[in-house]
Amino acid sequence: MLPNTGKLAGCTVFITGASRGIGKAIALKAAKDGANIVIAAKTTHAHPKLPGTIFTAAEEIEAAGGKALPCAVDVRDEQQISNAVEKAVERFGGIDILVNNASAISLTNTLETPTKRVDLMMNVNTRGTYLTSKACIPYLKKSKIAHILNLSPPLNLNPMWFKQHCAIHTAAMDMLGGSGIESQCRKVDIIADAAYSIFKKPKSFTGNFIIDENILREEGIKNFDIYAIKPGHPLLPDFFLDEHPDTITKKVESRDVPELKEEKPQPPPKQRSGAVEETFRIVKDSLSDDVVKATQAVYQFELSGEDGGTWFLDLKSKGGNVGYGEPSNQADVVMSMSTDDFVKMFSGKLKPTMAFMSGKLKIKGNMALAIKLEKLMNQMNARL
C-alpha cells in the first residue's frame, strides 16, 4: 500500500458519491493525513442493497483522523451542489481538491437503452461533473495544491469504442452482477492510493489521463497482489483497456486451426466445420477444475453461416465440458456470431470486447460472466 505522508493535513477534499465504494476509499485515505472531507452524496438513509450513508461515512472518516462534513447532494441539482460548496467553505475556509466520483451506468446498446437512462447518465456523469467543477473552481484557484480528479473507466480513443454504442460504461462490477465476481477484482484501495499519489503532486501536474497501476508503479509499488480481494486469484481484465499484442499468446494458431477465408461455398463444408470442431477440442483439452472453479459459468454459442449451429462451453460442471447442441444446464451467457469470427476469437485474432463493441458479437445474459471469457481465453492459449 502507498504510505501516507501527512501532506493533506488541513486540506479540504470535496468528493461526490463518497458514501461508499471508491469515493469513500479516497476519503478515508485522505482522512488518515488529517484532511477535511466533504461527503457530497445522495444516500441519507440506509439502502436495502447498497451499504453506507453520508453519516456512516462521516463516522468512519472521523475515526480515521479526518474531519467530515456530510452533505446531501444529488449532482443533478445545481442548488444542492452550491449549498454544499457554501457549507464547505463556511466550515473549512475553502476547497483544495475536488473528486468527481459520482456516476451512473447502463451496460446496454443503443436500442436497449431507455431515453430516461441516457438522461440519467448524461445528467450525472457529464452535467454533474461540470456543475460541481464550476462551483468549486473559484475556491480551487485560491489553493496552493489545487486538483480536480475525474474518475472514469480508462479513456480509450480506439474508434471501435465509438462505433456501436452511445451508452456510458464503467467497471462497477456490483451493478454488472454475477455471484463471486468480487474474487476476480481488486480492492478500492488501489484507486484511493492512486488518487493520493495525484494529490501529492504540484498544481502543474494537470491534463493527464492516469491508469491506477501505472502511477503506483512510478511510486515504487511492485506487489499488486496486496490490492487483490483474493490474492493469487486471476483478475478480470478492464473492459476498456487494450492489451499489448505481445501479451496475447498465439499458441492456438500453432495447432493448425484452419483459418476461414472468404470464398465461394463448396460442398462439403469440411474446412469450416473442422475449424469450429477443432477449436472446441483444443478448448476442452485446456479445461481443468481450477478453470471451472474460477469461472462458474455456462456459455452457449449460436454460430451463423453454413457451418453454424449451437455449441456450449460448460464451466460449472466438474472438470468442465464442451459439445454440440444446447447445454444440460441453463446457459448464463448466450453469444451469437459467425463461425469465422468465433474461430478468430478463440485463436487470439479477435478480442471478445472488440467483437462485441463492433457489433460482430451479440451477447445475452450475465455481462460480467461474458467479460470473464476474454481473460479465460488468454489463460487457455497460454496453457496450450
Protein backbone atom coordinates (compact mmCIF):
# COMPACT_ATOMS: atom_id res chain seq x y z
CA MET A 1 0.00 0.00 0.00
CA LEU A 2 1.12 3.58 -0.62
CA PRO A 3 2.10 5.09 2.76
CA ASN A 4 0.51 8.31 3.98
CA THR A 5 2.85 11.29 4.27
CA GLY A 6 0.61 13.76 6.10
CA LYS A 7 0.77 16.18 3.17
CA LEU A 8 -3.02 16.56 3.07
CA ALA A 9 -3.33 17.60 6.74
CA GLY A 10 -5.76 20.51 6.97
CA CYS A 11 -6.64 20.36 3.26
CA THR A 12 -10.28 20.20 2.21
CA VAL A 13 -11.32 17.48 -0.21
CA PHE A 14 -14.79 17.68 -1.79
CA ILE A 15 -15.86 14.21 -3.01
CA THR A 16 -19.09 13.38 -4.84
CA GLY A 17 -20.51 9.91 -4.25
CA ALA A 18 -18.37 9.45 -1.15
CA SER A 19 -20.84 7.48 0.96
CA ARG A 20 -19.47 4.15 -0.28
CA GLY A 21 -17.10 2.41 -2.68
CA ILE A 22 -14.25 4.23 -4.39
CA GLY A 23 -15.36 7.66 -3.20
CA LYS A 24 -15.31 6.60 0.43
CA ALA A 25 -11.97 4.81 -0.02
CA ILE A 26 -10.39 8.02 -1.33
CA ALA A 27 -11.95 9.92 1.58
CA LEU A 28 -10.53 7.52 4.15
CA LYS A 29 -7.07 7.66 2.57
CA ALA A 30 -7.05 11.45 2.78
CA ALA A 31 -8.55 11.37 6.27
CA LYS A 32 -5.50 9.47 7.55
CA ASP A 33 -3.48 12.60 6.78
CA GLY A 34 -5.92 14.70 8.79
CA ALA A 35 -7.77 16.15 5.81
CA ASN A 36 -11.22 17.73 5.87
CA ILE A 37 -13.65 15.66 3.82
CA VAL A 38 -16.89 16.93 2.29
CA ILE A 39 -19.11 13.90 1.64
CA ALA A 40 -21.38 15.05 -1.19
CA ALA A 41 -23.70 12.12 -1.85
CA LYS A 42 -27.39 11.23 -2.10
CA THR A 43 -27.78 8.47 0.47
CA THR A 44 -29.07 9.78 3.78
CA HIS A 45 -30.93 6.64 4.85
CA ALA A 46 -29.75 3.03 4.71
CA HIS A 47 -30.38 1.41 1.32
CA PRO A 48 -31.66 -2.21 1.33
CA LYS A 49 -29.00 -3.34 -1.17
CA LEU A 50 -26.23 -0.72 -1.00
CA PRO A 51 -24.17 -0.21 2.18
CA GLY A 52 -23.45 3.14 3.79
CA THR A 53 -24.89 6.64 4.09
CA ILE A 54 -23.26 10.06 4.22
CA PHE A 55 -23.48 9.86 8.01
CA THR A 56 -21.91 6.40 8.41
CA ALA A 57 -19.15 7.51 6.03
CA ALA A 58 -18.61 10.62 8.18
CA GLU A 59 -18.17 8.45 11.26
CA GLU A 60 -15.52 6.35 9.52
CA ILE A 61 -13.70 9.44 8.29
CA GLU A 62 -13.61 10.96 11.76
CA ALA A 63 -12.36 7.65 13.17
CA ALA A 64 -9.57 7.62 10.56
CA GLY A 65 -8.31 11.00 11.73
CA GLY A 66 -10.07 13.44 9.43
CA LYS A 67 -12.87 15.95 9.81
CA ALA A 68 -16.11 15.21 7.98
CA LEU A 69 -18.93 17.31 6.61
CA PRO A 70 -21.80 15.13 5.31
CA CYS A 71 -23.92 16.95 2.69
CA ALA A 72 -26.97 15.51 0.96
CA VAL A 73 -26.21 16.17 -2.71
CA ASP A 74 -27.73 14.94 -5.94
CA VAL A 75 -25.23 16.17 -8.54
CA ARG A 76 -28.10 16.71 -10.98
CA ASP A 77 -29.33 19.51 -8.71
CA GLU A 78 -27.27 22.70 -9.12
CA GLN A 79 -28.69 24.27 -5.97
CA GLN A 80 -27.75 21.28 -3.82
CA ILE A 81 -24.20 21.47 -5.17
CA SER A 82 -23.99 25.19 -4.46
CA ASN A 83 -25.31 24.72 -0.93
CA ALA A 84 -22.73 22.01 -0.21
CA VAL A 85 -19.89 24.14 -1.54
CA GLU A 86 -21.02 27.08 0.61
CA LYS A 87 -21.18 24.85 3.70
CA ALA A 88 -17.71 23.50 2.96
CA VAL A 89 -16.21 26.97 2.62
CA GLU A 90 -18.01 28.18 5.74
CA ARG A 91 -16.85 25.16 7.77
CA PHE A 92 -13.31 24.69 6.46
CA GLY A 93 -12.42 28.01 4.84
CA GLY A 94 -12.03 26.81 1.29
CA ILE A 95 -11.68 23.83 -1.05
CA ASP A 96 -8.33 22.35 -2.14
CA ILE A 97 -9.28 19.20 -4.05
CA LEU A 98 -12.39 18.13 -5.96
CA VAL A 99 -13.02 14.48 -6.75
CA ASN A 100 -15.81 13.91 -9.29
CA ASN A 101 -16.67 10.33 -8.43
CA ALA A 102 -20.48 10.12 -8.68
CA SER A 103 -21.61 8.23 -11.78
CA ALA A 104 -24.45 6.30 -13.43
CA ILE A 105 -24.17 3.24 -15.65
CA SER A 106 -26.07 1.21 -18.22
CA LEU A 107 -24.16 -1.59 -19.93
CA THR A 108 -26.56 -1.80 -22.87
CA ASN A 109 -26.50 -0.98 -26.55
CA THR A 110 -28.36 1.89 -28.21
CA LEU A 111 -31.68 0.18 -28.90
CA GLU A 112 -31.84 -1.39 -25.44
CA THR A 113 -31.06 1.83 -23.53
CA PRO A 114 -34.18 3.78 -22.47
CA THR A 115 -34.04 7.53 -23.04
CA LYS A 116 -34.67 8.02 -19.32
CA ARG A 117 -31.49 6.09 -18.56
CA VAL A 118 -29.49 8.10 -21.08
CA ASP A 119 -30.75 11.29 -19.46
CA LEU A 120 -29.66 9.99 -16.06
CA MET A 121 -26.16 9.14 -17.26
CA MET A 122 -25.68 12.44 -19.05
CA ASN A 123 -27.02 14.42 -16.11
CA VAL A 124 -24.84 12.63 -13.55
CA ASN A 125 -21.66 11.81 -15.46
CA THR A 126 -21.38 14.88 -17.66
CA ARG A 127 -23.59 17.67 -16.36
CA GLY A 128 -22.98 16.79 -12.69
CA THR A 129 -19.21 16.83 -13.19
CA TYR A 130 -19.47 20.19 -14.97
CA LEU A 131 -21.71 21.77 -12.30
CA THR A 132 -19.60 20.59 -9.38
CA SER A 133 -16.38 21.70 -11.04
CA LYS A 134 -17.88 25.09 -11.87
CA ALA A 135 -18.95 25.61 -8.26
CA CYS A 136 -15.57 24.58 -6.80
CA ILE A 137 -13.14 26.24 -9.24
CA PRO A 138 -13.33 29.75 -7.69
CA TYR A 139 -12.09 28.29 -4.40
CA LEU A 140 -9.63 25.87 -6.01
CA LYS A 141 -7.92 28.87 -7.64
CA LYS A 142 -7.06 30.13 -4.17
CA SER A 143 -5.48 26.81 -3.10
CA LYS A 144 -1.77 26.05 -3.24
CA ILE A 145 -2.35 22.38 -4.06
CA ALA A 146 -5.50 22.55 -6.18
CA HIS A 147 -6.53 19.43 -8.10
CA ILE A 148 -9.66 18.22 -9.85
CA LEU A 149 -9.73 14.44 -10.17
CA ASN A 150 -12.35 12.97 -12.53
CA LEU A 151 -12.85 9.23 -12.13
CA SER A 152 -13.84 7.20 -15.16
CA PRO A 153 -13.10 3.96 -17.00
CA PRO A 154 -9.77 4.18 -18.87
CA LEU A 155 -10.08 6.76 -21.65
CA ASN A 156 -9.52 4.64 -24.74
CA LEU A 157 -9.83 6.55 -28.02
CA ASN A 158 -9.74 3.46 -30.21
CA PRO A 159 -12.50 4.21 -32.75
CA MET A 160 -14.23 0.89 -32.13
CA TRP A 161 -15.50 2.12 -28.74
CA PHE A 162 -17.46 4.88 -30.50
CA LYS A 163 -18.95 2.83 -33.32
CA GLN A 164 -21.95 0.94 -31.94
CA HIS A 165 -22.88 2.38 -28.56
CA CYS A 166 -23.95 5.69 -27.05
CA ALA A 167 -24.37 4.29 -23.51
CA ILE A 168 -21.69 5.13 -20.91
CA HIS A 169 -19.88 2.15 -19.35
CA THR A 170 -17.92 1.85 -16.10
CA ALA A 171 -16.32 -1.02 -14.23
CA ALA A 172 -18.99 -1.01 -11.46
CA MET A 173 -18.91 -4.76 -11.05
CA ASP A 174 -21.59 -4.92 -8.38
CA MET A 175 -24.05 -3.46 -10.86
CA LEU A 176 -22.91 -5.82 -13.60
CA GLY A 177 -23.90 -8.70 -11.32
CA GLY A 178 -22.60 -12.21 -11.08
CA SER A 179 -22.02 -14.22 -7.93
CA GLY A 180 -18.38 -14.46 -6.90
CA ILE A 181 -17.22 -11.74 -9.27
CA GLU A 182 -15.51 -9.90 -6.41
CA SER A 183 -12.85 -12.60 -6.12
CA GLN A 184 -11.54 -11.57 -9.54
CA CYS A 185 -11.37 -7.87 -8.70
CA ARG A 186 -9.09 -5.50 -6.87
CA LYS A 187 -9.97 -3.54 -3.75
CA VAL A 188 -10.98 0.10 -3.98
CA ASP A 189 -7.76 0.81 -2.12
CA ILE A 190 -5.81 0.81 -5.39
CA ILE A 191 -7.87 3.78 -6.63
CA ALA A 192 -7.52 5.52 -3.28
CA ASP A 193 -3.74 5.13 -3.38
CA ALA A 194 -3.59 6.32 -6.99
CA ALA A 195 -5.71 9.36 -6.12
CA TYR A 196 -3.49 10.11 -3.11
CA SER A 197 -0.44 9.95 -5.37
CA ILE A 198 -2.04 12.56 -7.64
CA PHE A 199 -2.99 14.79 -4.71
CA LYS A 200 0.67 14.91 -3.63
CA LYS A 201 1.78 16.28 -6.98
CA PRO A 202 2.14 20.03 -7.69
CA LYS A 203 -0.55 22.11 -9.39
CA SER A 204 1.45 21.91 -12.61
CA PHE A 205 0.53 18.21 -12.84
CA THR A 206 -2.59 18.69 -14.91
CA GLY A 207 -4.35 17.44 -18.03
CA ASN A 208 -3.20 13.86 -17.53
CA PHE A 209 -5.02 10.56 -18.18
CA ILE A 210 -3.85 8.22 -15.42
CA ILE A 211 -4.15 4.44 -15.02
CA ASP A 212 -4.03 3.46 -11.34
CA GLU A 213 -1.45 0.70 -11.73
CA ASN A 214 0.87 2.84 -13.87
CA ILE A 215 1.12 5.74 -11.43
CA LEU A 216 1.60 3.39 -8.47
CA ARG A 217 4.46 1.66 -10.28
CA GLU A 218 6.06 5.10 -10.56
CA GLU A 219 5.64 5.38 -6.78
CA GLY A 220 7.63 2.17 -6.38
CA ILE A 221 4.78 -0.27 -5.77
CA LYS A 222 5.78 -3.68 -7.12
CA ASN A 223 3.50 -6.14 -5.35
CA PHE A 224 -0.03 -5.52 -6.65
CA ASP A 225 -1.34 -8.68 -5.01
CA ILE A 226 -1.88 -6.53 -1.91
CA TYR A 227 -4.75 -4.86 -3.75
CA ALA A 228 -6.43 -8.13 -4.75
CA ILE A 229 -9.60 -9.11 -2.92
CA LYS A 230 -8.40 -12.70 -3.30
CA PRO A 231 -4.59 -12.64 -3.66
CA GLY A 232 -3.29 -15.03 -6.28
CA HIS A 233 -6.66 -15.36 -7.97
CA PRO A 234 -6.84 -14.48 -11.71
CA LEU A 235 -8.12 -10.95 -12.28
CA LEU A 236 -10.68 -9.79 -14.79
CA PRO A 237 -9.22 -7.50 -17.44
CA ASP A 238 -10.64 -4.00 -17.52
CA PHE A 239 -13.34 -3.78 -20.18
CA PHE A 240 -11.83 -0.62 -21.70
CA LEU A 241 -8.10 -1.40 -21.78
CA ASP A 242 -6.48 -2.81 -24.91
CA GLU A 243 -3.84 -5.41 -24.18
CA HIS A 244 -0.46 -5.12 -25.85
CA PRO A 245 -0.20 -7.58 -28.76
CA ASP A 246 2.84 -9.33 -27.29
CA THR A 247 0.86 -10.34 -24.21
CA ILE A 248 -1.56 -12.46 -26.20
CA THR A 249 -0.38 -15.98 -26.81
CA LYS A 250 -0.98 -17.22 -30.35
CA LYS A 251 -0.47 -20.91 -29.49
CA VAL A 252 -3.87 -21.89 -30.87
CA GLU A 253 -2.67 -20.95 -34.34
CA SER A 254 0.30 -23.29 -33.98
CA ARG A 255 -2.16 -26.15 -33.59
CA ASP A 256 -3.09 -25.58 -37.22
CA VAL A 257 -6.62 -24.47 -36.56
CA PRO A 258 -7.84 -23.76 -40.10
CA GLU A 259 -8.27 -20.05 -40.78
CA LEU A 260 -11.54 -19.32 -42.50
CA LYS A 261 -11.27 -17.33 -45.71
CA GLU A 262 -13.93 -15.61 -47.69
CA GLU A 263 -14.59 -17.86 -50.66
CA LYS A 264 -17.48 -19.37 -52.52
CA PRO A 265 -19.23 -22.19 -50.65
CA GLN A 266 -18.02 -25.61 -51.76
CA PRO A 267 -19.74 -28.80 -50.64
CA PRO A 268 -18.98 -30.44 -48.36
CA PRO A 269 -18.02 -27.60 -45.96
CA LYS A 270 -15.38 -29.65 -44.17
CA GLN A 271 -12.92 -26.84 -43.58
CA ARG A 272 -15.38 -24.62 -41.72
CA SER A 273 -16.91 -27.37 -39.59
CA GLY A 274 -13.42 -28.69 -38.91
CA ALA A 275 -12.27 -25.28 -37.67
CA VAL A 276 -15.09 -24.97 -35.15
CA GLU A 277 -14.81 -28.58 -34.01
CA GLU A 278 -11.03 -28.36 -33.68
CA THR A 279 -11.33 -25.12 -31.71
CA PHE A 280 -13.70 -26.74 -29.21
CA ARG A 281 -11.40 -29.78 -28.99
CA ILE A 282 -8.46 -27.53 -28.06
CA VAL A 283 -10.63 -25.68 -25.54
CA LYS A 284 -11.71 -28.97 -23.97
CA ASP A 285 -8.09 -30.13 -23.66
CA SER A 286 -7.22 -26.96 -21.77
CA LEU A 287 -10.02 -27.25 -19.19
CA SER A 288 -9.32 -28.00 -15.54
CA ASP A 289 -11.02 -27.92 -12.16
CA ASP A 290 -9.22 -24.63 -11.43
CA VAL A 291 -10.65 -23.03 -14.58
CA VAL A 292 -14.15 -24.25 -13.68
CA LYS A 293 -13.82 -23.02 -10.10
CA ALA A 294 -12.64 -19.58 -11.24
CA THR A 295 -15.37 -19.14 -13.85
CA GLN A 296 -18.59 -20.87 -12.74
CA ALA A 297 -20.50 -20.14 -15.93
CA VAL A 298 -22.16 -21.92 -18.84
CA TYR A 299 -21.69 -20.35 -22.25
CA GLN A 300 -23.85 -21.11 -25.28
CA PHE A 301 -22.70 -20.16 -28.77
CA GLU A 302 -25.13 -19.59 -31.62
CA LEU A 303 -22.92 -19.70 -34.71
CA SER A 304 -24.33 -18.43 -38.00
CA GLY A 305 -23.40 -19.45 -41.53
CA GLU A 306 -23.48 -22.72 -43.39
CA ASP A 307 -21.34 -24.39 -40.75
CA GLY A 308 -23.25 -22.80 -37.90
CA GLY A 309 -25.20 -24.31 -35.07
CA THR A 310 -25.46 -24.39 -31.30
CA TRP A 311 -22.41 -25.24 -29.20
CA PHE A 312 -21.72 -24.92 -25.48
CA LEU A 313 -18.88 -24.44 -23.02
CA ASP A 314 -19.83 -25.69 -19.55
CA LEU A 315 -17.58 -24.26 -16.87
CA LYS A 316 -19.81 -25.17 -13.95
CA SER A 317 -19.75 -28.97 -14.07
CA LYS A 318 -16.75 -30.78 -12.56
CA GLY A 319 -13.82 -30.67 -14.92
CA GLY A 320 -15.75 -28.64 -17.47
CA ASN A 321 -17.22 -29.79 -20.76
CA VAL A 322 -17.83 -28.65 -24.33
CA GLY A 323 -20.07 -30.00 -27.05
CA TYR A 324 -22.51 -29.54 -29.87
CA GLY A 325 -26.10 -28.63 -29.03
CA GLU A 326 -27.61 -26.92 -26.02
CA PRO A 327 -26.02 -27.39 -22.58
CA SER A 328 -27.71 -29.61 -20.00
CA ASN A 329 -27.74 -26.68 -17.57
CA GLN A 330 -29.25 -23.33 -18.50
CA ALA A 331 -26.72 -21.04 -20.14
CA ASP A 332 -25.63 -17.97 -18.18
CA VAL A 333 -24.48 -16.27 -21.37
CA VAL A 334 -25.59 -16.73 -24.98
CA MET A 335 -23.20 -15.43 -27.63
CA SER A 336 -24.23 -15.09 -31.26
CA MET A 337 -21.67 -14.62 -34.02
CA SER A 338 -20.36 -16.06 -37.28
CA THR A 339 -18.25 -19.21 -37.34
CA ASP A 340 -15.42 -17.21 -38.90
CA ASP A 341 -15.36 -14.68 -36.05
CA PHE A 342 -15.76 -17.46 -33.49
CA VAL A 343 -12.57 -19.19 -34.65
CA LYS A 344 -10.72 -15.87 -34.78
CA MET A 345 -11.90 -15.05 -31.26
CA PHE A 346 -10.66 -18.31 -29.75
CA SER A 347 -7.37 -18.21 -31.69
CA GLY A 348 -6.49 -14.78 -30.33
CA LYS A 349 -7.04 -12.88 -33.57
CA LEU A 350 -10.21 -11.14 -32.36
CA LYS A 351 -10.75 -9.89 -28.82
CA PRO A 352 -14.25 -10.57 -27.46
CA THR A 353 -14.64 -6.98 -26.29
CA MET A 354 -13.74 -5.71 -29.74
CA ALA A 355 -16.12 -8.18 -31.36
CA PHE A 356 -18.91 -7.05 -29.03
CA MET A 357 -18.34 -3.33 -29.41
CA SER A 358 -18.00 -3.59 -33.20
CA GLY A 359 -21.28 -5.48 -33.48
CA LYS A 360 -19.78 -8.79 -34.57
CA LEU A 361 -20.73 -10.44 -31.29
CA LYS A 362 -24.20 -10.28 -29.70
CA ILE A 363 -24.50 -11.14 -26.02
CA LYS A 364 -27.50 -12.08 -23.91
CA GLY A 365 -27.34 -12.88 -20.22
CA ASN A 366 -24.86 -12.06 -17.48
CA MET A 367 -22.46 -9.45 -18.87
CA ALA A 368 -19.97 -9.90 -16.02
CA LEU A 369 -19.58 -13.58 -16.92
CA ALA A 370 -19.26 -12.64 -20.58
CA ILE A 371 -16.36 -10.34 -19.70
CA LYS A 372 -14.71 -13.24 -17.87
CA LEU A 373 -14.43 -15.17 -21.10
CA GLU A 374 -11.77 -12.90 -22.61
CA LYS A 375 -9.37 -13.41 -19.72
CA LEU A 376 -10.15 -17.11 -19.79
CA MET A 377 -9.23 -17.33 -23.47
CA ASN A 378 -5.81 -15.80 -22.84
CA GLN A 379 -5.23 -18.25 -19.99
CA MET A 380 -6.24 -21.17 -22.20
CA ASN A 381 -3.95 -20.07 -25.01
CA ALA A 382 -1.05 -19.75 -22.60
CA ARG A 383 -1.50 -23.37 -21.48
CA LEU A 384 -1.62 -24.84 -24.98
